[in-house]
């Protein structure tokens, strides 16, 4: 795997902080995320570095595709979030 280091003016990145996450984490990844710092390769690398309990859901669409409440993507995301919370709370 290639090394992924996002160019940012902030001296912190999810790649650096992910190993310190010990709480349950649900990552929802847009299959076609168009945000440069949220591309699927970077998101998968962050997910792999999370040390605590984790679950990944890949949703069709881009970064903001989950926000349209009448869409099937929104329904899938909400269902996944509810099921995850039932498991960890």
PDB file of N, CA and C in Angstrom:
ATOM      1  N   UNK A   1       0.845  -1.179   0.000  1.00  0.00           N
ATOM      2  CA  UNK A   1       0.000   0.000   0.000  1.00  0.00           C
ATOM      3  C   UNK A   1       0.887   1.238   0.000  1.00  0.00           C
ATOM      4  N   UNK A   2       0.501   2.223  -0.760  1.00  0.00           N
ATOM      5  CA  UNK A   2       1.265   3.460  -0.802  1.00  0.00           C
ATOM      6  C   UNK A   2       1.051   4.255   0.483  1.00  0.00           C
ATOM      7  N   UNK A   3       2.009   5.053   0.824  1.00  0.00           N
ATOM      8  CA  UNK A   3       1.897   5.899   2.012  1.00  0.00           C
ATOM      9  C   UNK A   3       0.998   7.075   1.690  1.00  0.00           C
ATOM     10  N   UNK A   4       0.016   7.323   2.540  1.00  0.00           N
ATOM     11  CA  UNK A   4      -0.945   8.395   2.310  1.00  0.00           C
ATOM     12  C   UNK A   4      -0.750   9.458   3.376  1.00  0.00           C
ATOM     13  N   UNK A   5      -0.265  10.615   2.986  1.00  0.00           N
ATOM     14  CA  UNK A   5      -0.100  11.718   3.916  1.00  0.00           C
ATOM     15  C   UNK A   5      -0.800  12.926   3.317  1.00  0.00           C
ATOM     16  N   UNK A   6      -1.982  13.258   3.859  1.00  0.00           N
ATOM     17  CA  UNK A   6      -2.694  14.394   3.289  1.00  0.00           C
ATOM     18  C   UNK A   6      -1.950  15.698   3.543  1.00  0.00           C
ATOM     19  N   UNK A   7      -1.994  16.594   2.571  1.00  0.00           N
ATOM     20  CA  UNK A   7      -1.383  17.908   2.717  1.00  0.00           C
ATOM     21  C   UNK A   7      -2.375  18.775   3.485  1.00  0.00           C
ATOM     22  N   UNK A   8      -1.981  19.204   4.659  1.00  0.00           N
ATOM     23  CA  UNK A   8      -2.852  20.018   5.498  1.00  0.00           C
ATOM     24  C   UNK A   8      -2.016  20.998   6.303  1.00  0.00           C
ATOM     25  N   UNK A   9      -2.585  22.144   6.566  1.00  0.00           N
ATOM     26  CA  UNK A   9      -1.875  23.129   7.387  1.00  0.00           C
ATOM     27  C   UNK A   9      -1.971  22.772   8.862  1.00  0.00           C
ATOM     28  N   UNK A  10      -2.856  21.867   9.189  1.00  0.00           N
ATOM     29  CA  UNK A  10      -3.025  21.432  10.572  1.00  0.00           C
ATOM     30  C   UNK A  10      -2.066  20.270  10.844  1.00  0.00           C
ATOM     31  N   UNK A  11      -1.317  20.318  11.957  1.00  0.00           N
ATOM     32  CA  UNK A  11      -0.329  19.274  12.214  1.00  0.00           C
ATOM     33  C   UNK A  11      -0.931  17.977  12.763  1.00  0.00           C
ATOM     34  N   UNK A  12      -2.133  17.689  12.389  1.00  0.00           N
ATOM     35  CA  UNK A  12      -2.806  16.495  12.879  1.00  0.00           C
ATOM     36  C   UNK A  12      -3.619  15.905  11.734  1.00  0.00           C
ATOM     37  N   UNK A  13      -3.704  14.617  11.699  1.00  0.00           N
ATOM     38  CA  UNK A  13      -4.525  13.983  10.686  1.00  0.00           C
ATOM     39  C   UNK A  13      -5.149  12.735  11.288  1.00  0.00           C
ATOM     40  N   UNK A  14      -6.257  12.257  10.735  1.00  0.00           N
ATOM     41  CA  UNK A  14      -6.874  11.037  11.233  1.00  0.00           C
ATOM     42  C   UNK A  14      -5.917   9.842  11.204  1.00  0.00           C
ATOM     43  N   UNK A  15      -4.970   9.853  10.281  1.00  0.00           N
ATOM     44  CA  UNK A  15      -3.991   8.763  10.229  1.00  0.00           C
ATOM     45  C   UNK A  15      -3.135   8.720  11.498  1.00  0.00           C
ATOM     46  N   UNK A  16      -2.891   9.887  12.083  1.00  0.00           N
ATOM     47  CA  UNK A  16      -2.085   9.972  13.296  1.00  0.00           C
ATOM     48  C   UNK A  16      -2.923   9.615  14.521  1.00  0.00           C
ATOM     49  N   UNK A  17      -4.158  10.073  14.566  1.00  0.00           N
ATOM     50  CA  UNK A  17      -4.981   9.899  15.763  1.00  0.00           C
ATOM     51  C   UNK A  17      -5.728   8.572  15.815  1.00  0.00           C
ATOM     52  N   UNK A  18      -5.974   7.936  14.686  1.00  0.00           N
ATOM     53  CA  UNK A  18      -6.777   6.705  14.645  1.00  0.00           C
ATOM     54  C   UNK A  18      -6.294   5.616  15.602  1.00  0.00           C
ATOM     55  N   UNK A  19      -4.996   5.368  15.737  1.00  0.00           N
ATOM     56  CA  UNK A  19      -4.566   4.294  16.641  1.00  0.00           C
ATOM     57  C   UNK A  19      -4.942   4.528  18.104  1.00  0.00           C
ATOM     58  N   UNK A  20      -5.283   5.763  18.456  1.00  0.00           N
ATOM     59  CA  UNK A  20      -5.628   6.088  19.837  1.00  0.00           C
ATOM     60  C   UNK A  20      -7.118   5.963  20.130  1.00  0.00           C
ATOM     61  N   UNK A  21      -7.908   5.635  19.124  1.00  0.00           N
ATOM     62  CA  UNK A  21      -9.347   5.479  19.335  1.00  0.00           C
ATOM     63  C   UNK A  21      -9.605   4.100  19.929  1.00  0.00           C
ATOM     64  N   UNK A  22     -10.029   4.095  21.172  1.00  0.00           N
ATOM     65  CA  UNK A  22     -10.272   2.831  21.866  1.00  0.00           C
ATOM     66  C   UNK A  22     -11.764   2.546  22.023  1.00  0.00           C
ATOM     67  N   UNK A  23     -12.595   3.544  21.754  1.00  0.00           N
ATOM     68  CA  UNK A  23     -14.035   3.369  21.871  1.00  0.00           C
ATOM     69  C   UNK A  23     -14.593   2.761  20.592  1.00  0.00           C
ATOM     70  N   UNK A  24     -15.812   2.204  20.630  1.00  0.00           N
ATOM     71  CA  UNK A  24     -16.410   1.671  19.400  1.00  0.00           C
ATOM     72  C   UNK A  24     -16.585   2.779  18.358  1.00  0.00           C
ATOM     73  N   UNK A  25     -16.229   2.466  17.131  1.00  0.00           N
ATOM     74  CA  UNK A  25     -16.289   3.437  16.031  1.00  0.00           C
ATOM     75  C   UNK A  25     -17.053   2.827  14.865  1.00  0.00           C
ATOM     76  N   UNK A  26     -18.000   3.586  14.349  1.00  0.00           N
ATOM     77  CA  UNK A  26     -18.680   3.237  13.102  1.00  0.00           C
ATOM     78  C   UNK A  26     -18.198   4.226  12.061  1.00  0.00           C
ATOM     79  N   UNK A  27     -17.536   3.739  11.030  1.00  0.00           N
ATOM     80  CA  UNK A  27     -17.111   4.597   9.922  1.00  0.00           C
ATOM     81  C   UNK A  27     -18.028   4.357   8.750  1.00  0.00           C
ATOM     82  N   UNK A  28     -18.602   5.431   8.244  1.00  0.00           N
ATOM     83  CA  UNK A  28     -19.448   5.353   7.065  1.00  0.00           C
ATOM     84  C   UNK A  28     -18.674   5.995   5.927  1.00  0.00           C
ATOM     85  N   UNK A  29     -18.428   5.212   4.901  1.00  0.00           N
ATOM     86  CA  UNK A  29     -17.604   5.655   3.782  1.00  0.00           C
ATOM     87  C   UNK A  29     -18.455   5.729   2.526  1.00  0.00           C
ATOM     88  N   UNK A  30     -18.427   6.876   1.885  1.00  0.00           N
ATOM     89  CA  UNK A  30     -19.098   7.027   0.593  1.00  0.00           C
ATOM     90  C   UNK A  30     -18.241   6.382  -0.487  1.00  0.00           C
ATOM     91  N   UNK A  31     -18.818   5.453  -1.214  1.00  0.00           N
ATOM     92  CA  UNK A  31     -18.074   4.715  -2.238  1.00  0.00           C
ATOM     93  C   UNK A  31     -17.411   5.647  -3.249  1.00  0.00           C
ATOM     94  N   UNK A  32     -18.052   6.769  -3.539  1.00  0.00           N
ATOM     95  CA  UNK A  32     -17.520   7.724  -4.518  1.00  0.00           C
ATOM     96  C   UNK A  32     -17.259   9.082  -3.874  1.00  0.00           C
ATOM     97  N   UNK A  33     -16.692   9.066  -2.667  1.00  0.00           N
ATOM     98  CA  UNK A  33     -16.452  10.324  -1.949  1.00  0.00           C
ATOM     99  C   UNK A  33     -15.537  11.218  -2.772  1.00  0.00           C
ATOM    100  N   UNK A  34     -16.008  12.422  -3.023  1.00  0.00           N
ATOM    101  CA  UNK A  34     -15.279  13.353  -3.874  1.00  0.00           C
ATOM    102  C   UNK A  34     -14.396  14.325  -3.091  1.00  0.00           C
ATOM    103  N   UNK A  35     -14.449  14.287  -1.761  1.00  0.00           N
ATOM    104  CA  UNK A  35     -13.632  15.175  -0.943  1.00  0.00           C
ATOM    105  C   UNK A  35     -12.196  14.639  -0.926  1.00  0.00           C
ATOM    106  N   UNK A  36     -11.224  15.482  -1.224  1.00  0.00           N
ATOM    107  CA  UNK A  36      -9.837  15.034  -1.388  1.00  0.00           C
ATOM    108  C   UNK A  36      -9.286  14.375  -0.123  1.00  0.00           C
ATOM    109  N   UNK A  37      -9.669  14.868   1.041  1.00  0.00           N
ATOM    110  CA  UNK A  37      -9.149  14.300   2.289  1.00  0.00           C
ATOM    111  C   UNK A  37     -10.046  13.181   2.829  1.00  0.00           C
ATOM    112  N   UNK A  38     -11.028  12.790   2.047  1.00  0.00           N
ATOM    113  CA  UNK A  38     -11.942  11.709   2.465  1.00  0.00           C
ATOM    114  C   UNK A  38     -12.045  10.627   1.409  1.00  0.00           C
ATOM    115  N   UNK A  39     -11.086  10.546   0.530  1.00  0.00           N
ATOM    116  CA  UNK A  39     -11.157   9.527  -0.521  1.00  0.00           C
ATOM    117  C   UNK A  39     -11.128   8.136   0.120  1.00  0.00           C
ATOM    118  N   UNK A  40     -11.724   7.162  -0.542  1.00  0.00           N
ATOM    119  CA  UNK A  40     -11.822   5.820   0.043  1.00  0.00           C
ATOM    120  C   UNK A  40     -10.484   5.206   0.461  1.00  0.00           C
ATOM    121  N   UNK A  41      -9.416   5.448  -0.270  1.00  0.00           N
ATOM    122  CA  UNK A  41      -8.110   4.894   0.105  1.00  0.00           C
ATOM    123  C   UNK A  41      -7.671   5.435   1.467  1.00  0.00           C
ATOM    124  N   UNK A  42      -7.821   6.731   1.660  1.00  0.00           N
ATOM    125  CA  UNK A  42      -7.455   7.347   2.933  1.00  0.00           C
ATOM    126  C   UNK A  42      -8.375   6.851   4.047  1.00  0.00           C
ATOM    127  N   UNK A  43      -9.675   6.806   3.781  1.00  0.00           N
ATOM    128  CA  UNK A  43     -10.611   6.355   4.809  1.00  0.00           C
ATOM    129  C   UNK A  43     -10.333   4.905   5.220  1.00  0.00           C
ATOM    130  N   UNK A  44     -10.029   4.057   4.262  1.00  0.00           N
ATOM    131  CA  UNK A  44      -9.701   2.669   4.595  1.00  0.00           C
ATOM    132  C   UNK A  44      -8.410   2.580   5.406  1.00  0.00           C
ATOM    133  N   UNK A  45      -7.443   3.425   5.091  1.00  0.00           N
ATOM    134  CA  UNK A  45      -6.187   3.435   5.852  1.00  0.00           C
ATOM    135  C   UNK A  45      -6.444   3.885   7.294  1.00  0.00           C
ATOM    136  N   UNK A  46      -7.302   4.881   7.470  1.00  0.00           N
ATOM    137  CA  UNK A  46      -7.658   5.333   8.818  1.00  0.00           C
ATOM    138  C   UNK A  46      -8.378   4.207   9.556  1.00  0.00           C
ATOM    139  N   UNK A  47      -9.347   3.579   8.901  1.00  0.00           N
ATOM    140  CA  UNK A  47     -10.097   2.485   9.521  1.00  0.00           C
ATOM    141  C   UNK A  47      -9.158   1.370   9.985  1.00  0.00           C
ATOM    142  N   UNK A  48      -8.211   1.005   9.152  1.00  0.00           N
ATOM    143  CA  UNK A  48      -7.268  -0.065   9.491  1.00  0.00           C
ATOM    144  C   UNK A  48      -6.426   0.268  10.722  1.00  0.00           C
ATOM    145  N   UNK A  49      -6.215   1.550  10.979  1.00  0.00           N
ATOM    146  CA  UNK A  49      -5.372   1.971  12.102  1.00  0.00           C
ATOM    147  C   UNK A  49      -6.140   2.107  13.420  1.00  0.00           C
ATOM    148  N   UNK A  50      -7.456   2.102  13.384  1.00  0.00           N
ATOM    149  CA  UNK A  50      -8.246   2.219  14.611  1.00  0.00           C
ATOM    150  C   UNK A  50      -8.016   0.979  15.462  1.00  0.00           C
ATOM    151  N   UNK A  51      -7.650   1.197  16.721  1.00  0.00           N
ATOM    152  CA  UNK A  51      -7.293   0.062  17.576  1.00  0.00           C
ATOM    153  C   UNK A  51      -8.478  -0.537  18.312  1.00  0.00           C
ATOM    154  N   UNK A  52      -9.513   0.233  18.539  1.00  0.00           N
ATOM    155  CA  UNK A  52     -10.665  -0.255  19.288  1.00  0.00           C
ATOM    156  C   UNK A  52     -11.643  -1.006  18.401  1.00  0.00           C
ATOM    157  N   UNK A  53     -12.777  -1.406  18.996  1.00  0.00           N
ATOM    158  CA  UNK A  53     -13.824  -2.076  18.216  1.00  0.00           C
ATOM    159  C   UNK A  53     -14.298  -1.159  17.084  1.00  0.00           C
ATOM    160  N   UNK A  54     -14.476  -1.731  15.912  1.00  0.00           N
ATOM    161  CA  UNK A  54     -14.816  -0.874  14.773  1.00  0.00           C
ATOM    162  C   UNK A  54     -15.687  -1.624  13.787  1.00  0.00           C
ATOM    163  N   UNK A  55     -16.448  -0.842  13.058  1.00  0.00           N
ATOM    164  CA  UNK A  55     -17.287  -1.376  11.985  1.00  0.00           C
ATOM    165  C   UNK A  55     -17.267  -0.368  10.852  1.00  0.00           C
ATOM    166  N   UNK A  56     -17.245  -0.885   9.640  1.00  0.00           N
ATOM    167  CA  UNK A  56     -17.221  -0.010   8.458  1.00  0.00           C
ATOM    168  C   UNK A  56     -18.451  -0.306   7.610  1.00  0.00           C
ATOM    169  N   UNK A  57     -19.120   0.751   7.194  1.00  0.00           N
ATOM    170  CA  UNK A  57     -20.237   0.648   6.267  1.00  0.00           C
ATOM    171  C   UNK A  57     -19.886   1.461   5.024  1.00  0.00           C
ATOM    172  N   UNK A  58     -19.938   0.834   3.878  1.00  0.00           N
ATOM    173  CA  UNK A  58     -19.685   1.533   2.616  1.00  0.00           C
ATOM    174  C   UNK A  58     -21.047   1.790   1.979  1.00  0.00           C
ATOM    175  N   UNK A  59     -21.304   3.058   1.722  1.00  0.00           N
ATOM    176  CA  UNK A  59     -22.582   3.490   1.180  1.00  0.00           C
ATOM    177  C   UNK A  59     -22.368   4.018  -0.237  1.00  0.00           C
ATOM    178  N   UNK A  60     -23.279   3.703  -1.135  1.00  0.00           N
ATOM    179  CA  UNK A  60     -23.203   4.241  -2.493  1.00  0.00           C
ATOM    180  C   UNK A  60     -23.258   5.763  -2.443  1.00  0.00           C
ATOM    181  N   UNK A  61     -22.612   6.397  -3.400  1.00  0.00           N
ATOM    182  CA  UNK A  61     -22.670   7.849  -3.503  1.00  0.00           C
ATOM    183  C   UNK A  61     -21.417   8.514  -2.983  1.00  0.00           C
ATOM    184  N   UNK A  62     -21.505   9.831  -2.880  1.00  0.00           N
ATOM    185  CA  UNK A  62     -20.365  10.638  -2.480  1.00  0.00           C
ATOM    186  C   UNK A  62     -20.429  11.084  -1.031  1.00  0.00           C
ATOM    187  N   UNK A  63     -19.668  12.117  -0.725  1.00  0.00           N
ATOM    188  CA  UNK A  63     -19.501  12.587   0.643  1.00  0.00           C
ATOM    189  C   UNK A  63     -20.815  13.054   1.266  1.00  0.00           C
ATOM    190  N   UNK A  64     -21.600  13.779   0.515  1.00  0.00           N
ATOM    191  CA  UNK A  64     -22.828  14.351   1.061  1.00  0.00           C
ATOM    192  C   UNK A  64     -24.078  13.586   0.650  1.00  0.00           C
ATOM    193  N   UNK A  65     -23.915  12.465  -0.027  1.00  0.00           N
ATOM    194  CA  UNK A  65     -25.055  11.691  -0.500  1.00  0.00           C
ATOM    195  C   UNK A  65     -25.936  11.131   0.595  1.00  0.00           C
ATOM    196  N   UNK A  66     -25.417  11.015   1.802  1.00  0.00           N
ATOM    197  CA  UNK A  66     -26.191  10.459   2.904  1.00  0.00           C
ATOM    198  C   UNK A  66     -27.125  11.484   3.530  1.00  0.00           C
ATOM    199  N   UNK A  67     -27.014  12.736   3.124  1.00  0.00           N
ATOM    200  CA  UNK A  67     -27.789  13.794   3.773  1.00  0.00           C
ATOM    201  C   UNK A  67     -29.211  13.946   3.241  1.00  0.00           C
ATOM    202  N   UNK A  68     -29.513  13.373   2.108  1.00  0.00           N
ATOM    203  CA  UNK A  68     -30.841  13.539   1.504  1.00  0.00           C
ATOM    204  C   UNK A  68     -31.803  12.545   2.136  1.00  0.00           C
ATOM    205  N   UNK A  69     -32.655  13.045   3.030  1.00  0.00           N
ATOM    206  CA  UNK A  69     -33.458  12.163   3.869  1.00  0.00           C
ATOM    207  C   UNK A  69     -34.480  11.305   3.141  1.00  0.00           C
ATOM    208  N   UNK A  70     -34.791  11.615   1.913  1.00  0.00           N
ATOM    209  CA  UNK A  70     -35.731  10.781   1.159  1.00  0.00           C
ATOM    210  C   UNK A  70     -35.027   9.737   0.300  1.00  0.00           C
ATOM    211  N   UNK A  71     -33.714   9.616   0.443  1.00  0.00           N
ATOM    212  CA  UNK A  71     -32.969   8.697  -0.422  1.00  0.00           C
ATOM    213  C   UNK A  71     -32.779   7.332   0.246  1.00  0.00           C
ATOM    214  N   UNK A  72     -32.532   6.333  -0.580  1.00  0.00           N
ATOM    215  CA  UNK A  72     -32.252   4.999  -0.039  1.00  0.00           C
ATOM    216  C   UNK A  72     -30.919   4.990   0.706  1.00  0.00           C
ATOM    217  N   UNK A  73     -29.961   5.810   0.274  1.00  0.00           N
ATOM    218  CA  UNK A  73     -28.676   5.894   0.980  1.00  0.00           C
ATOM    219  C   UNK A  73     -28.862   6.403   2.403  1.00  0.00           C
ATOM    220  N   UNK A  74     -29.726   7.396   2.560  1.00  0.00           N
ATOM    221  CA  UNK A  74     -30.003   7.945   3.887  1.00  0.00           C
ATOM    222  C   UNK A  74     -30.610   6.862   4.776  1.00  0.00           C
ATOM    223  N   UNK A  75     -31.574   6.129   4.237  1.00  0.00           N
ATOM    224  CA  UNK A  75     -32.229   5.061   5.006  1.00  0.00           C
ATOM    225  C   UNK A  75     -31.225   3.981   5.408  1.00  0.00           C
ATOM    226  N   UNK A  76     -30.332   3.599   4.492  1.00  0.00           N
ATOM    227  CA  UNK A  76     -29.304   2.599   4.809  1.00  0.00           C
ATOM    228  C   UNK A  76     -28.369   3.111   5.904  1.00  0.00           C
ATOM    229  N   UNK A  77     -27.981   4.369   5.797  1.00  0.00           N
ATOM    230  CA  UNK A  77     -27.072   4.954   6.787  1.00  0.00           C
ATOM    231  C   UNK A  77     -27.723   5.007   8.161  1.00  0.00           C
ATOM    232  N   UNK A  78     -28.958   5.454   8.228  1.00  0.00           N
ATOM    233  CA  UNK A  78     -29.658   5.543   9.515  1.00  0.00           C
ATOM    234  C   UNK A  78     -29.828   4.156  10.125  1.00  0.00           C
ATOM    235  N   UNK A  79     -30.208   3.188   9.315  1.00  0.00           N
ATOM    236  CA  UNK A  79     -30.377   1.817   9.806  1.00  0.00           C
ATOM    237  C   UNK A  79     -29.058   1.276  10.357  1.00  0.00           C
ATOM    238  N   UNK A  80     -27.976   1.493   9.638  1.00  0.00           N
ATOM    239  CA  UNK A  80     -26.658   1.029  10.091  1.00  0.00           C
ATOM    240  C   UNK A  80     -26.266   1.705  11.400  1.00  0.00           C
ATOM    241  N   UNK A  81     -26.539   2.993  11.508  1.00  0.00           N
ATOM    242  CA  UNK A  81     -26.191   3.720  12.723  1.00  0.00           C
ATOM    243  C   UNK A  81     -27.004   3.221  13.918  1.00  0.00           C
ATOM    244  N   UNK A  82     -28.293   2.997  13.724  1.00  0.00           N
ATOM    245  CA  UNK A  82     -29.146   2.491  14.796  1.00  0.00           C
ATOM    246  C   UNK A  82     -28.676   1.109  15.258  1.00  0.00           C
ATOM    247  N   UNK A  83     -28.383   0.218  14.312  1.00  0.00           N
ATOM    248  CA  UNK A  83     -27.923  -1.130  14.668  1.00  0.00           C
ATOM    249  C   UNK A  83     -26.589  -1.081  15.410  1.00  0.00           C
ATOM    250  N   UNK A  84     -25.699  -0.212  14.971  1.00  0.00           N
ATOM    251  CA  UNK A  84     -24.403  -0.071  15.638  1.00  0.00           C
ATOM    252  C   UNK A  84     -24.599   0.412  17.080  1.00  0.00           C
ATOM    253  N   UNK A  85     -25.452   1.419  17.259  1.00  0.00           N
ATOM    254  CA  UNK A  85     -25.698   1.941  18.603  1.00  0.00           C
ATOM    255  C   UNK A  85     -26.359   0.904  19.498  1.00  0.00           C
ATOM    256  N   UNK A  86     -27.244   0.089  18.957  1.00  0.00           N
ATOM    257  CA  UNK A  86     -27.846  -0.984  19.742  1.00  0.00           C
ATOM    258  C   UNK A  86     -26.788  -1.961  20.242  1.00  0.00           C
ATOM    259  N   UNK A  87     -25.796  -2.209  19.423  1.00  0.00           N
ATOM    260  CA  UNK A  87     -24.741  -3.165  19.795  1.00  0.00           C
ATOM    261  C   UNK A  87     -23.787  -2.606  20.860  1.00  0.00           C
ATOM    262  N   UNK A  88     -23.486  -1.334  20.782  1.00  0.00           N
ATOM    263  CA  UNK A  88     -22.426  -0.795  21.648  1.00  0.00           C
ATOM    264  C   UNK A  88     -22.934  -0.072  22.887  1.00  0.00           C
ATOM    265  N   UNK A  89     -24.210   0.241  22.913  1.00  0.00           N
ATOM    266  CA  UNK A  89     -24.726   0.950  24.105  1.00  0.00           C
ATOM    267  C   UNK A  89     -25.389   0.007  25.075  1.00  0.00           C
TER     268      UNK A  89
END
